[in-house]
PDB file of N, CA and C in Angstrom:
ATOM      1  N   MET A   1      -2.170  -7.537  33.570  1.00  0.00           N
ATOM      2  CA  MET A   1      -2.219  -9.207  33.685  1.00  0.00           C
ATOM      3  C   MET A   1      -1.383  -8.551  32.235  1.00  0.00           C
ATOM      4  N   ALA A   2      -0.111  -9.167  32.066  1.00  0.00           N
ATOM      5  CA  ALA A   2       0.471  -9.754  31.243  1.00  0.00           C
ATOM      6  C   ALA A   2       0.348  -9.839  29.594  1.00  0.00           C
ATOM      7  N   GLU A   3       0.664  -9.204  29.106  1.00  0.00           N
ATOM      8  CA  GLU A   3       0.249  -9.691  27.029  1.00  0.00           C
ATOM      9  C   GLU A   3       1.008 -10.690  26.546  1.00  0.00           C
ATOM     10  N   SER A   4       1.216 -12.178  26.380  1.00  0.00           N
ATOM     11  CA  SER A   4       1.145 -12.344  25.602  1.00  0.00           C
ATOM     12  C   SER A   4       1.558 -12.535  23.782  1.00  0.00           C
ATOM     13  N   VAL A   5       2.359 -12.854  23.689  1.00  0.00           N
ATOM     14  CA  VAL A   5       3.239 -12.988  22.945  1.00  0.00           C
ATOM     15  C   VAL A   5       2.141 -12.322  21.646  1.00  0.00           C
ATOM     16  N   ALA A   6       1.018 -13.529  22.139  1.00  0.00           N
ATOM     17  CA  ALA A   6       0.331 -13.508  20.876  1.00  0.00           C
ATOM     18  C   ALA A   6      -0.677 -12.576  20.836  1.00  0.00           C
ATOM     19  N   GLU A   7      -0.938 -12.107  22.205  1.00  0.00           N
ATOM     20  CA  GLU A   7      -1.310 -10.482  21.628  1.00  0.00           C
ATOM     21  C   GLU A   7      -1.548  -9.353  22.222  1.00  0.00           C
ATOM     22  N   ALA A   8       0.683  -9.269  21.931  1.00  0.00           N
ATOM     23  CA  ALA A   8       0.505  -7.977  22.050  1.00  0.00           C
ATOM     24  C   ALA A   8       0.115  -7.157  20.978  1.00  0.00           C
ATOM     25  N   HIS A   9      -0.112  -6.040  21.224  1.00  0.00           N
ATOM     26  CA  HIS A   9       0.443  -5.056  20.662  1.00  0.00           C
ATOM     27  C   HIS A   9       1.111  -3.795  20.235  1.00  0.00           C
ATOM     28  N   TYR A  10       2.192  -4.171  19.031  1.00  0.00           N
ATOM     29  CA  TYR A  10       2.724  -2.689  19.317  1.00  0.00           C
ATOM     30  C   TYR A  10       2.691  -0.955  20.443  1.00  0.00           C
ATOM     31  N   HIS A  11       3.114  -0.455  20.934  1.00  0.00           N
ATOM     32  CA  HIS A  11       2.966   0.887  21.715  1.00  0.00           C
ATOM     33  C   HIS A  11       3.880   2.264  20.879  1.00  0.00           C
ATOM     34  N   GLY A  12       4.311   1.923  20.277  1.00  0.00           N
ATOM     35  CA  GLY A  12       5.208   2.849  19.878  1.00  0.00           C
ATOM     36  C   GLY A  12       5.206   3.506  18.925  1.00  0.00           C
ATOM     37  N   THR A  13       5.992   4.809  18.162  1.00  0.00           N
ATOM     38  CA  THR A  13       5.553   4.835  17.175  1.00  0.00           C
ATOM     39  C   THR A  13       6.390   4.565  15.537  1.00  0.00           C
ATOM     40  N   ILE A  14       6.704   5.246  14.565  1.00  0.00           N
ATOM     41  CA  ILE A  14       7.440   4.979  13.704  1.00  0.00           C
ATOM     42  C   ILE A  14       7.308   6.376  12.551  1.00  0.00           C
ATOM     43  N   SER A  15       8.195   6.831  12.578  1.00  0.00           N
ATOM     44  CA  SER A  15       7.910   7.512  11.782  1.00  0.00           C
ATOM     45  C   SER A  15       9.182   8.683  10.440  1.00  0.00           C
ATOM     46  N   VAL A  16       8.240   9.164  10.059  1.00  0.00           N
ATOM     47  CA  VAL A  16       9.303   8.837   8.597  1.00  0.00           C
ATOM     48  C   VAL A  16       9.335  10.094   8.068  1.00  0.00           C
ATOM     49  N   MET A  17      10.595  11.203   7.760  1.00  0.00           N
ATOM     50  CA  MET A  17      11.454  11.674   7.108  1.00  0.00           C
ATOM     51  C   MET A  17      10.772  11.989   5.988  1.00  0.00           C
ATOM     52  N   ALA A  18      10.909  13.508   5.937  1.00  0.00           N
ATOM     53  CA  ALA A  18      10.601  13.533   4.092  1.00  0.00           C
ATOM     54  C   ALA A  18      11.552  14.244   3.752  1.00  0.00           C
ATOM     55  N   LEU A  19      11.304  13.422   2.325  1.00  0.00           N
ATOM     56  CA  LEU A  19      12.749  13.780   1.411  1.00  0.00           C
ATOM     57  C   LEU A  19      12.479  15.039   0.939  1.00  0.00           C
ATOM     58  N   ALA A  20      12.023  15.846   1.501  1.00  0.00           N
ATOM     59  CA  ALA A  20      11.911  17.744   1.105  1.00  0.00           C
ATOM     60  C   ALA A  20      10.459  18.436   0.775  1.00  0.00           C
ATOM     61  N   ARG A  21       9.918  19.382   0.997  1.00  0.00           N
ATOM     62  CA  ARG A  21       9.179  20.137   0.764  1.00  0.00           C
ATOM     63  C   ARG A  21       8.360  21.458  -0.423  1.00  0.00           C
ATOM     64  N   SER A  22       7.405  21.336  -0.872  1.00  0.00           N
ATOM     65  CA  SER A  22       6.852  22.158  -1.355  1.00  0.00           C
ATOM     66  C   SER A  22       6.259  22.775  -1.263  1.00  0.00           C
ATOM     67  N   ARG A  23       5.206  24.502  -1.758  1.00  0.00           N
ATOM     68  CA  ARG A  23       4.848  24.815  -0.574  1.00  0.00           C
ATOM     69  C   ARG A  23       3.775  25.317  -2.660  1.00  0.00           C
ATOM     70  N   LEU A  24       2.892  24.688  -2.370  1.00  0.00           N
ATOM     71  CA  LEU A  24       1.642  25.174  -2.910  1.00  0.00           C
ATOM     72  C   LEU A  24       0.977  26.691  -3.402  1.00  0.00           C
ATOM     73  N   THR A  25       1.084  26.579  -4.260  1.00  0.00           N
ATOM     74  CA  THR A  25       0.797  28.655  -5.019  1.00  0.00           C
ATOM     75  C   THR A  25      -0.328  28.874  -4.953  1.00  0.00           C
ATOM     76  N   ALA A  26      -0.503  30.658  -4.406  1.00  0.00           N
ATOM     77  CA  ALA A  26      -2.278  30.320  -5.099  1.00  0.00           C
ATOM     78  C   ALA A  26      -2.097  29.955  -6.343  1.00  0.00           C
ATOM     79  N   GLN A  27      -2.215  29.993  -7.745  1.00  0.00           N
ATOM     80  CA  GLN A  27      -3.243  29.813  -8.475  1.00  0.00           C
ATOM     81  C   GLN A  27      -2.397  28.302  -8.763  1.00  0.00           C
ATOM     82  N   GLY A  28      -2.772  26.875  -7.122  1.00  0.00           N
ATOM     83  CA  GLY A  28      -2.197  25.823  -7.351  1.00  0.00           C
ATOM     84  C   GLY A  28      -1.502  25.117  -7.864  1.00  0.00           C
ATOM     85  N   GLN A  29      -0.063  25.452  -8.617  1.00  0.00           N
ATOM     86  CA  GLN A  29       1.210  25.146  -8.739  1.00  0.00           C
ATOM     87  C   GLN A  29       2.080  24.852  -7.292  1.00  0.00           C
ATOM     88  N   ILE A  30       2.979  23.878  -7.440  1.00  0.00           N
ATOM     89  CA  ILE A  30       3.974  23.973  -7.145  1.00  0.00           C
ATOM     90  C   ILE A  30       5.897  23.784  -7.158  1.00  0.00           C
ATOM     91  N   SER A  31       6.913  23.995  -7.446  1.00  0.00           N
ATOM     92  CA  SER A  31       8.073  23.232  -7.336  1.00  0.00           C
ATOM     93  C   SER A  31       8.812  22.973  -6.341  1.00  0.00           C
ATOM     94  N   VAL A  32       9.317  21.331  -7.447  1.00  0.00           N
ATOM     95  CA  VAL A  32       9.214  19.993  -7.318  1.00  0.00           C
ATOM     96  C   VAL A  32      11.635  20.079  -6.874  1.00  0.00           C
ATOM     97  N   PRO A  33      11.359  20.112  -5.800  1.00  0.00           N
ATOM     98  CA  PRO A  33      13.054  20.587  -4.901  1.00  0.00           C
ATOM     99  C   PRO A  33      14.131  19.856  -6.449  1.00  0.00           C
ATOM    100  N   ALA A  34      14.874  20.797  -6.710  1.00  0.00           N
ATOM    101  CA  ALA A  34      16.184  20.172  -6.932  1.00  0.00           C
ATOM    102  C   ALA A  34      16.722  18.413  -6.779  1.00  0.00           C
ATOM    103  N   GLU A  35      16.691  18.099  -5.634  1.00  0.00           N
ATOM    104  CA  GLU A  35      17.063  16.972  -5.619  1.00  0.00           C
ATOM    105  C   GLU A  35      16.347  15.712  -5.877  1.00  0.00           C
ATOM    106  N   ILE A  36      15.387  16.654  -5.355  1.00  0.00           N
ATOM    107  CA  ILE A  36      14.044  15.393  -5.649  1.00  0.00           C
ATOM    108  C   ILE A  36      13.710  14.761  -7.480  1.00  0.00           C
ATOM    109  N   ARG A  37      13.899  16.211  -8.652  1.00  0.00           N
ATOM    110  CA  ARG A  37      13.770  15.818  -9.647  1.00  0.00           C
ATOM    111  C   ARG A  37      14.553  14.944 -10.273  1.00  0.00           C
ATOM    112  N   ARG A  38      16.004  15.369  -9.285  1.00  0.00           N
ATOM    113  CA  ARG A  38      17.637  13.823 -10.311  1.00  0.00           C
ATOM    114  C   ARG A  38      17.261  12.726  -9.712  1.00  0.00           C
ATOM    115  N   LYS A  39      16.676  12.370  -8.817  1.00  0.00           N
ATOM    116  CA  LYS A  39      16.349  11.200  -7.991  1.00  0.00           C
ATOM    117  C   LYS A  39      14.801  10.516  -8.820  1.00  0.00           C
ATOM    118  N   LEU A  40      14.190  11.146  -9.560  1.00  0.00           N
ATOM    119  CA  LEU A  40      13.509  11.021 -10.373  1.00  0.00           C
ATOM    120  C   LEU A  40      13.898  10.778 -11.499  1.00  0.00           C
ATOM    121  N   GLY A  41      14.435  11.589 -11.559  1.00  0.00           N
ATOM    122  CA  GLY A  41      15.123  11.276 -13.288  1.00  0.00           C
ATOM    123  C   GLY A  41      14.210  12.404 -14.251  1.00  0.00           C
ATOM    124  N   VAL A  42      12.910  13.519 -13.492  1.00  0.00           N
ATOM    125  CA  VAL A  42      12.308  13.751 -14.322  1.00  0.00           C
ATOM    126  C   VAL A  42      12.698  15.470 -15.116  1.00  0.00           C
ATOM    127  N   GLY A  43      12.653  16.822 -15.723  1.00  0.00           N
ATOM    128  CA  GLY A  43      12.912  17.145 -16.214  1.00  0.00           C
ATOM    129  C   GLY A  43      11.591  18.741 -17.099  1.00  0.00           C
ATOM    130  N   PRO A  44      11.713  19.277 -17.301  1.00  0.00           N
ATOM    131  CA  PRO A  44      10.830  19.832 -18.518  1.00  0.00           C
ATOM    132  C   PRO A  44       9.894  19.318 -19.132  1.00  0.00           C
ATOM    133  N   GLY A  45       8.459  19.578 -18.400  1.00  0.00           N
ATOM    134  CA  GLY A  45       7.771  18.959 -19.591  1.00  0.00           C
ATOM    135  C   GLY A  45       7.751  16.702 -19.069  1.00  0.00           C
ATOM    136  N   SER A  46       7.775  17.032 -18.377  1.00  0.00           N
ATOM    137  CA  SER A  46       7.675  15.630 -17.423  1.00  0.00           C
ATOM    138  C   SER A  46       6.024  15.561 -16.844  1.00  0.00           C
ATOM    139  N   VAL A  47       5.628  14.069 -17.049  1.00  0.00           N
ATOM    140  CA  VAL A  47       4.407  14.229 -16.260  1.00  0.00           C
ATOM    141  C   VAL A  47       3.927  13.515 -15.252  1.00  0.00           C
ATOM    142  N   LEU A  48       4.616  14.878 -13.437  1.00  0.00           N
ATOM    143  CA  LEU A  48       4.576  13.480 -12.674  1.00  0.00           C
ATOM    144  C   LEU A  48       2.758  13.397 -12.264  1.00  0.00           C
ATOM    145  N   GLU A  49       2.001  11.840 -11.104  1.00  0.00           N
ATOM    146  CA  GLU A  49       1.069  11.024 -11.239  1.00  0.00           C
ATOM    147  C   GLU A  49       0.986  11.349  -9.253  1.00  0.00           C
ATOM    148  N   TRP A  50      -0.070  11.621  -9.068  1.00  0.00           N
ATOM    149  CA  TRP A  50      -0.580  12.553  -7.789  1.00  0.00           C
ATOM    150  C   TRP A  50      -1.942  11.035  -7.160  1.00  0.00           C
ATOM    151  N   HIS A  51      -0.632  10.449  -6.082  1.00  0.00           N
ATOM    152  CA  HIS A  51      -1.441   8.893  -5.569  1.00  0.00           C
ATOM    153  C   HIS A  51      -1.971   8.927  -4.032  1.00  0.00           C
ATOM    154  N   GLU A  52      -3.589   8.666  -4.149  1.00  0.00           N
ATOM    155  CA  GLU A  52      -3.831   8.379  -2.897  1.00  0.00           C
ATOM    156  C   GLU A  52      -2.994   7.257  -1.602  1.00  0.00           C
ATOM    157  N   GLU A  53      -2.122   7.065  -1.505  1.00  0.00           N
ATOM    158  CA  GLU A  53      -1.354   5.506  -1.206  1.00  0.00           C
ATOM    159  C   GLU A  53      -0.624   5.894   0.312  1.00  0.00           C
ATOM    160  N   GLY A  54      -1.052   6.440   1.578  1.00  0.00           N
ATOM    161  CA  GLY A  54      -0.226   7.438   2.607  1.00  0.00           C
ATOM    162  C   GLY A  54      -0.739   5.285   3.629  1.00  0.00           C
ATOM    163  N   GLU A  55      -2.030   5.035   3.101  1.00  0.00           N
ATOM    164  CA  GLU A  55      -1.701   3.789   4.334  1.00  0.00           C
ATOM    165  C   GLU A  55      -1.204   2.646   3.363  1.00  0.00           C
ATOM    166  N   ILE A  56      -0.772   2.623   2.125  1.00  0.00           N
ATOM    167  CA  ILE A  56      -0.374   1.151   1.480  1.00  0.00           C
ATOM    168  C   ILE A  56       1.475   1.804   2.520  1.00  0.00           C
ATOM    169  N   ASP A  57       1.943   2.542   2.052  1.00  0.00           N
ATOM    170  CA  ASP A  57       3.455   3.309   2.661  1.00  0.00           C
ATOM    171  C   ASP A  57       3.249   2.927   3.771  1.00  0.00           C
ATOM    172  N   ALA A  58       2.355   3.458   4.319  1.00  0.00           N
ATOM    173  CA  ALA A  58       2.938   2.802   6.239  1.00  0.00           C
ATOM    174  C   ALA A  58       2.895   1.143   6.411  1.00  0.00           C
ATOM    175  N   LEU A  59       1.757   0.821   5.466  1.00  0.00           N
ATOM    176  CA  LEU A  59       2.056  -0.582   6.078  1.00  0.00           C
ATOM    177  C   LEU A  59       2.660  -1.359   5.131  1.00  0.00           C
ATOM    178  N   GLU A  60       2.867  -0.640   4.279  1.00  0.00           N
ATOM    179  CA  GLU A  60       5.069  -1.146   3.443  1.00  0.00           C
ATOM    180  C   GLU A  60       5.313  -1.507   4.655  1.00  0.00           C
ATOM    181  N   MET A  61       5.804   0.785   5.360  1.00  0.00           N
ATOM    182  CA  MET A  61       6.924   0.645   6.606  1.00  0.00           C
ATOM    183  C   MET A  61       5.935  -1.085   7.623  1.00  0.00           C
ATOM    184  N   LEU A  62       5.473  -1.652   7.849  1.00  0.00           N
ATOM    185  CA  LEU A  62       4.669  -2.049   9.229  1.00  0.00           C
ATOM    186  C   LEU A  62       5.774  -3.773   8.909  1.00  0.00           C
ATOM    187  N   LEU A  63       5.058  -3.293   7.467  1.00  0.00           N
ATOM    188  CA  LEU A  63       5.072  -5.016   7.258  1.00  0.00           C
ATOM    189  C   LEU A  63       6.935  -5.303   6.790  1.00  0.00           C
ATOM    190  N   ASN A  64       8.289  -3.743   6.824  1.00  0.00           N
ATOM    191  CA  ASN A  64       9.553  -4.412   6.295  1.00  0.00           C
ATOM    192  C   ASN A  64      10.320  -4.415   7.889  1.00  0.00           C
ATOM    193  N   HIS A  65       9.410  -3.922   9.584  1.00  0.00           N
ATOM    194  CA  HIS A  65       9.918  -3.504  10.877  1.00  0.00           C
ATOM    195  C   HIS A  65      10.190  -3.987  11.228  1.00  0.00           C
ATOM    196  N   VAL A  66      11.539  -4.197  11.837  1.00  0.00           N
ATOM    197  CA  VAL A  66      12.708  -4.798  12.389  1.00  0.00           C
ATOM    198  C   VAL A  66      11.919  -5.669  13.211  1.00  0.00           C
ATOM    199  N   ARG A  67      11.444  -4.957  14.701  1.00  0.00           N
ATOM    200  CA  ARG A  67      10.583  -4.446  15.482  1.00  0.00           C
ATOM    201  C   ARG A  67       9.270  -5.851  16.021  1.00  0.00           C
ATOM    202  N   LEU A  68       8.620  -5.568  14.849  1.00  0.00           N
ATOM    203  CA  LEU A  68       6.817  -5.146  15.042  1.00  0.00           C
ATOM    204  C   LEU A  68       6.374  -6.891  13.636  1.00  0.00           C
ATOM    205  N   THR A  69       5.640  -7.117  13.956  1.00  0.00           N
ATOM    206  CA  THR A  69       5.023  -8.372  14.075  1.00  0.00           C
ATOM    207  C   THR A  69       3.693  -8.132  13.656  1.00  0.00           C
ATOM    208  N   VAL A  70       3.094  -8.439  11.984  1.00  0.00           N
ATOM    209  CA  VAL A  70       1.772  -8.328  11.316  1.00  0.00           C
ATOM    210  C   VAL A  70       0.823  -9.144  11.353  1.00  0.00           C
ATOM    211  N   GLN A  71      -0.209 -10.185  11.518  1.00  0.00           N
ATOM    212  CA  GLN A  71      -0.564 -10.940  11.730  1.00  0.00           C
ATOM    213  C   GLN A  71      -0.739 -10.658  10.255  1.00  0.00           C
ATOM    214  N   ASP A  72      -0.247 -12.442  10.139  1.00  0.00           N
ATOM    215  CA  ASP A  72      -0.845 -12.450   8.275  1.00  0.00           C
ATOM    216  C   ASP A  72      -0.250 -11.966   7.576  1.00  0.00           C
ATOM    217  N   SER A  73       1.352 -11.570   8.459  1.00  0.00           N
ATOM    218  CA  SER A  73       2.290 -10.996   7.382  1.00  0.00           C
ATOM    219  C   SER A  73       1.889 -11.406   5.171  1.00  0.00           C
ATOM    220  N   ASP A  74       2.576 -12.553   5.048  1.00  0.00           N
ATOM    221  CA  ASP A  74       2.434 -12.699   4.455  1.00  0.00           C
ATOM    222  C   ASP A  74       1.411 -12.381   2.909  1.00  0.00           C
ATOM    223  N   ALA A  75      -0.092 -13.452   3.647  1.00  0.00           N
ATOM    224  CA  ALA A  75      -0.953 -12.020   2.662  1.00  0.00           C
ATOM    225  C   ALA A  75      -0.811 -10.900   2.707  1.00  0.00           C
ATOM    226  N   ALA A  76      -0.574  -9.834   3.904  1.00  0.00           N
ATOM    227  CA  ALA A  76      -0.845  -9.126   3.456  1.00  0.00           C
ATOM    228  C   ALA A  76       0.312  -8.128   2.586  1.00  0.00           C
ATOM    229  N   ALA A  77       2.004  -9.109   2.372  1.00  0.00           N
ATOM    230  CA  ALA A  77       2.681  -8.731   1.410  1.00  0.00           C
ATOM    231  C   ALA A  77       2.447  -8.844   0.149  1.00  0.00           C
ATOM    232  N   ALA A  78       1.733 -10.250   0.037  1.00  0.00           N
ATOM    233  CA  ALA A  78       1.272 -10.342  -1.170  1.00  0.00           C
ATOM    234  C   ALA A  78      -0.186  -9.650  -1.879  1.00  0.00           C
ATOM    235  N   ALA A  79      -1.117  -8.702  -0.424  1.00  0.00           N
ATOM    236  CA  ALA A  79      -1.663  -7.991  -1.264  1.00  0.00           C
ATOM    237  C   ALA A  79      -1.372  -6.976  -1.790  1.00  0.00           C
ATOM    238  N   LEU A  80      -0.084  -6.350  -1.146  1.00  0.00           N
ATOM    239  CA  LEU A  80       0.073  -5.037  -1.147  1.00  0.00           C
ATOM    240  C   LEU A  80       0.556  -5.003  -2.825  1.00  0.00           C
ATOM    241  N   VAL A  81       1.982  -6.094  -2.940  1.00  0.00           N
ATOM    242  CA  VAL A  81       1.526  -6.276  -4.691  1.00  0.00           C
ATOM    243  C   VAL A  81       0.923  -5.956  -5.389  1.00  0.00           C
ATOM    244  N   GLU A  82       0.102  -7.535  -5.263  1.00  0.00           N
ATOM    245  CA  GLU A  82      -1.082  -7.640  -5.390  1.00  0.00           C
ATOM    246  C   GLU A  82      -1.921  -5.742  -6.105  1.00  0.00           C
ATOM    247  N   PHE A  83      -1.917  -4.684  -5.271  1.00  0.00           N
ATOM    248  CA  PHE A  83      -2.452  -4.002  -5.198  1.00  0.00           C
ATOM    249  C   PHE A  83      -2.195  -2.758  -6.131  1.00  0.00           C
ATOM    250  N   ARG A  84      -0.078  -2.569  -5.982  1.00  0.00           N
ATOM    251  CA  ARG A  84       0.702  -1.804  -6.377  1.00  0.00           C
ATOM    252  C   ARG A  84      -0.224  -2.666  -7.940  1.00  0.00           C
ATOM    253  N   LYS A  85       0.412  -3.520  -8.578  1.00  0.00           N
ATOM    254  CA  LYS A  85       0.002  -4.114 -10.014  1.00  0.00           C
ATOM    255  C   LYS A  85      -1.516  -2.569 -10.653  1.00  0.00           C
ATOM    256  N   TYR A  86      -3.285  -3.209  -9.349  1.00  0.00           N
ATOM    257  CA  TYR A  86      -3.587  -3.352  -9.972  1.00  0.00           C
ATOM    258  C   TYR A  86      -3.850  -2.379  -9.063  1.00  0.00           C
ATOM    259  N   PRO A  87      -4.151  -1.073  -8.922  1.00  0.00           N
ATOM    260  CA  PRO A  87      -5.229  -0.102  -7.551  1.00  0.00           C
ATOM    261  C   PRO A  87      -6.357   0.302  -7.752  1.00  0.00           C
ATOM    262  N   ALA A  88      -7.163  -0.789  -9.344  1.00  0.00           N
ATOM    263  CA  ALA A  88      -8.677   0.828  -9.257  1.00  0.00           C
ATOM    264  C   ALA A  88      -9.012  -0.770  -8.261  1.00  0.00           C
ATOM    265  N   VAL A  89      -8.646  -2.167  -8.580  1.00  0.00           N
ATOM    266  CA  VAL A  89      -9.288  -2.861  -7.665  1.00  0.00           C
ATOM    267  C   VAL A  89      -9.339  -2.720  -6.061  1.00  0.00           C
ATOM    268  N   GLY A  90      -8.082  -1.268  -5.586  1.00  0.00           N
ATOM    269  CA  GLY A  90      -8.765  -1.567  -3.660  1.00  0.00           C
ATOM    270  C   GLY A  90      -7.796  -2.565  -2.598  1.00  0.00           C
ATOM    271  N   PHE A  91      -6.908  -2.354  -1.597  1.00  0.00           N
ATOM    272  CA  PHE A  91      -6.293  -2.373  -1.419  1.00  0.00           C
ATOM    273  C   PHE A  91      -7.352  -3.996  -0.257  1.00  0.00           C
ATOM    274  N   ALA A  92      -8.656  -3.138   0.774  1.00  0.00           N
ATOM    275  CA  ALA A  92      -8.582  -4.284   1.347  1.00  0.00           C
ATOM    276  C   ALA A  92      -9.199  -5.487   0.085  1.00  0.00           C
ATOM    277  N   ASP A  93      -9.653  -5.042  -0.969  1.00  0.00           N
ATOM    278  CA  ASP A  93     -10.798  -6.525  -2.174  1.00  0.00           C
ATOM    279  C   ASP A  93      -8.672  -7.061  -2.148  1.00  0.00           C
ATOM    280  N   CYS A  94      -8.280  -6.787  -2.664  1.00  0.00           N
ATOM    281  CA  CYS A  94      -6.829  -7.795  -2.637  1.00  0.00           C
ATOM    282  C   CYS A  94      -6.006  -7.949  -1.397  1.00  0.00           C
ATOM    283  N   LEU A  95      -6.480  -7.398  -0.528  1.00  0.00           N
ATOM    284  CA  LEU A  95      -6.514  -7.953   0.835  1.00  0.00           C
ATOM    285  C   LEU A  95      -7.252  -9.665   1.181  1.00  0.00           C
ATOM    286  N   ILE A  96      -8.285  -8.772   0.825  1.00  0.00           N
ATOM    287  CA  ILE A  96      -9.242 -10.327   0.991  1.00  0.00           C
ATOM    288  C   ILE A  96      -9.678 -11.615   0.266  1.00  0.00           C
ATOM    289  N   LEU A  97      -8.900 -11.484  -0.955  1.00  0.00           N
ATOM    290  CA  LEU A  97      -8.678 -12.054  -2.207  1.00  0.00           C
ATOM    291  C   LEU A  97      -7.167 -12.995  -1.741  1.00  0.00           C
ATOM    292  N   GLU A  98      -6.245 -12.161  -1.126  1.00  0.00           N
ATOM    293  CA  GLU A  98      -5.053 -13.136  -0.427  1.00  0.00           C
ATOM    294  C   GLU A  98      -5.136 -13.822   0.692  1.00  0.00           C
ATOM    295  N   ALA A  99      -6.407 -13.561   1.634  1.00  0.00           N
ATOM    296  CA  ALA A  99      -7.030 -14.939   2.709  1.00  0.00           C
ATOM    297  C   ALA A  99      -6.995 -15.118   2.208  1.00  0.00           C
ATOM    298  N   THR A 100      -7.800 -15.178   1.305  1.00  0.00           N
ATOM    299  CA  THR A 100      -9.132 -16.277   0.601  1.00  0.00           C
ATOM    300  C   THR A 100      -8.256 -16.921  -0.218  1.00  0.00           C
ATOM    301  N   ARG A 101      -6.818 -16.463  -0.501  1.00  0.00           N
ATOM    302  CA  ARG A 101      -6.039 -17.691  -1.212  1.00  0.00           C
ATOM    303  C   ARG A 101      -5.216 -18.550  -0.323  1.00  0.00           C
ATOM    304  N   LYS A 102      -4.669 -17.340   0.778  1.00  0.00           N
ATOM    305  CA  LYS A 102      -3.892 -18.531   1.660  1.00  0.00           C
ATOM    306  C   LYS A 102      -4.691 -19.886   2.201  1.00  0.00           C
ATOM    307  N   ALA A 103      -5.964 -19.372   2.861  1.00  0.00           N
ATOM    308  CA  ALA A 103      -7.163 -20.488   3.308  1.00  0.00           C
ATOM    309  C   ALA A 103      -7.095 -21.776   2.384  1.00  0.00           C
ATOM    310  N   GLY A 104      -6.352 -21.103   1.377  1.00  0.00           N
ATOM    311  CA  GLY A 104      -7.163 -22.548   0.460  1.00  0.00           C
ATOM    312  C   GLY A 104      -8.616 -22.370  -0.936  1.00  0.00           C
ATOM    313  N   HIS A 105     -10.048 -20.656  -0.229  1.00  0.00           N
ATOM    314  CA  HIS A 105     -10.722 -20.821  -1.100  1.00  0.00           C
ATOM    315  C   HIS A 105     -10.730 -20.616  -2.432  1.00  0.00           C
ATOM    316  N   LEU A 106     -10.490 -20.828  -3.265  1.00  0.00           N
ATOM    317  CA  LEU A 106      -9.930 -19.719  -4.398  1.00  0.00           C
ATOM    318  C   LEU A 106     -11.017 -21.436  -4.876  1.00  0.00           C
ATOM    319  N   PRO A 107     -12.333 -20.678  -5.899  1.00  0.00           N
ATOM    320  CA  PRO A 107     -11.988 -19.448  -6.191  1.00  0.00           C
ATOM    321  C   PRO A 107     -13.067 -18.054  -6.072  1.00  0.00           C
ATOM    322  N   LEU A 108     -12.213 -17.755  -5.652  1.00  0.00           N
ATOM    323  CA  LEU A 108     -13.466 -16.177  -5.594  1.00  0.00           C
ATOM    324  C   LEU A 108     -14.319 -15.704  -5.750  1.00  0.00           C
ATOM    325  N   GLY A 109     -16.014 -15.788  -5.473  1.00  0.00           N
ATOM    326  CA  GLY A 109     -16.986 -14.680  -6.717  1.00  0.00           C
ATOM    327  C   GLY A 109     -16.842 -13.741  -5.550  1.00  0.00           C
ATOM    328  N   THR A 110     -17.157 -13.117  -6.496  1.00  0.00           N
ATOM    329  CA  THR A 110     -17.405 -10.727  -6.270  1.00  0.00           C
ATOM    330  C   THR A 110     -18.572 -10.281  -7.293  1.00  0.00           C
ATOM    331  N   PHE A 111     -19.238  -9.679  -7.038  1.00  0.00           N
ATOM    332  CA  PHE A 111     -19.735  -9.426  -7.285  1.00  0.00           C
ATOM    333  C   PHE A 111     -18.896  -7.185  -8.250  1.00  0.00           C
ATOM    334  N   ASP A 112     -17.780  -7.577  -7.985  1.00  0.00           N
ATOM    335  CA  ASP A 112     -17.042  -6.122  -8.538  1.00  0.00           C
ATOM    336  C   ASP A 112     -16.498  -6.864  -9.059  1.00  0.00           C
ATOM    337  N   ARG A 113     -16.655  -6.236 -10.398  1.00  0.00           N
ATOM    338  CA  ARG A 113     -15.898  -6.105 -11.738  1.00  0.00           C
ATOM    339  C   ARG A 113     -14.460  -6.296 -11.686  1.00  0.00           C
ATOM    340  N   PRO A 114     -14.153  -5.200 -11.021  1.00  0.00           N
ATOM    341  CA  PRO A 114     -12.524  -4.686 -11.395  1.00  0.00           C
ATOM    342  C   PRO A 114     -12.026  -6.026  -9.999  1.00  0.00           C
ATOM    343  N   LEU A 115     -12.480  -6.272  -9.839  1.00  0.00           N
ATOM    344  CA  LEU A 115     -11.915  -6.935  -9.093  1.00  0.00           C
ATOM    345  C   LEU A 115     -11.734  -8.504  -9.877  1.00  0.00           C
ATOM    346  N   ALA A 116     -12.230  -9.003  -9.782  1.00  0.00           N
ATOM    347  CA  ALA A 116     -13.154 -10.074 -10.959  1.00  0.00           C
ATOM    348  C   ALA A 116     -11.795 -10.460 -12.041  1.00  0.00           C
ATOM    349  N   ARG A 117     -11.361  -9.030 -12.661  1.00  0.00           N
ATOM    350  CA  ARG A 117     -10.640  -9.231 -13.634  1.00  0.00           C
ATOM    351  C   ARG A 117      -9.135 -10.459 -12.728  1.00  0.00           C
ATOM    352  N   LEU A 118      -8.398 -10.426 -11.823  1.00  0.00           N
ATOM    353  CA  LEU A 118      -7.927 -10.894 -11.237  1.00  0.00           C
ATOM    354  C   LEU A 118      -7.754 -12.424 -10.840  1.00  0.00           C
ATOM    355  N   GLN A 119      -6.650 -13.202 -10.509  1.00  0.00           N
ATOM    356  CA  GLN A 119      -6.568 -14.876 -10.897  1.00  0.00           C
ATOM    357  C   GLN A 119      -6.862 -15.233  -9.811  1.00  0.00           C
ATOM    358  N   GLY A 120      -7.743 -16.099  -9.693  1.00  0.00           N
ATOM    359  CA  GLY A 120      -8.712 -16.472  -9.123  1.00  0.00           C
ATOM    360  C   GLY A 120      -9.689 -16.051  -8.521  1.00  0.00           C
ATOM    361  N   VAL A 121     -10.293 -15.160  -9.111  1.00  0.00           N
ATOM    362  CA  VAL A 121     -11.611 -14.794  -8.661  1.00  0.00           C
ATOM    363  C   VAL A 121     -12.463 -14.407  -9.927  1.00  0.00           C
ATOM    364  N   HIS A 122     -13.713 -15.254  -9.515  1.00  0.00           N
ATOM    365  CA  HIS A 122     -14.513 -15.258 -10.982  1.00  0.00           C
ATOM    366  C   HIS A 122     -16.264 -14.483 -10.394  1.00  0.00           C
ATOM    367  N   GLU A 123     -16.604 -13.270 -11.774  1.00  0.00           N
ATOM    368  CA  GLU A 123     -16.933 -12.805 -11.798  1.00  0.00           C
ATOM    369  C   GLU A 123     -19.252 -12.951 -11.244  1.00  0.00           C
ATOM    370  N   LEU A 124     -19.655 -12.983 -10.290  1.00  0.00           N
ATOM    371  CA  LEU A 124     -21.028 -13.757 -10.282  1.00  0.00           C
ATOM    372  C   LEU A 124     -21.960 -12.679 -10.515  1.00  0.00           C
TER     373      LEU A 124
END
């Protein structure tokens, strides 16, 4: 049976090209390639932060994909914006908040202190 538009799933792959590669030394050091240093505007003494956002980058890529429709993409995009402002809250909580906001069921009650700091949320 053919899938309806509402039930269709993406069956392809989305590839991402690496900007550059660095190798980690035995001492735990890396070299940042010159082209990346220029793009970032960093030099000696600059502090670089490392974040685990692979899933968030993938979601952003999916939201911007031309031939892919994401269910409640407006809520997912709003959650992504909120998460980038408040990463300590966690993306799942930001998504719950935005789905709640979209459904018109604010305020959202929570026992989670970081989440309770966001607009539209009350700590229980």
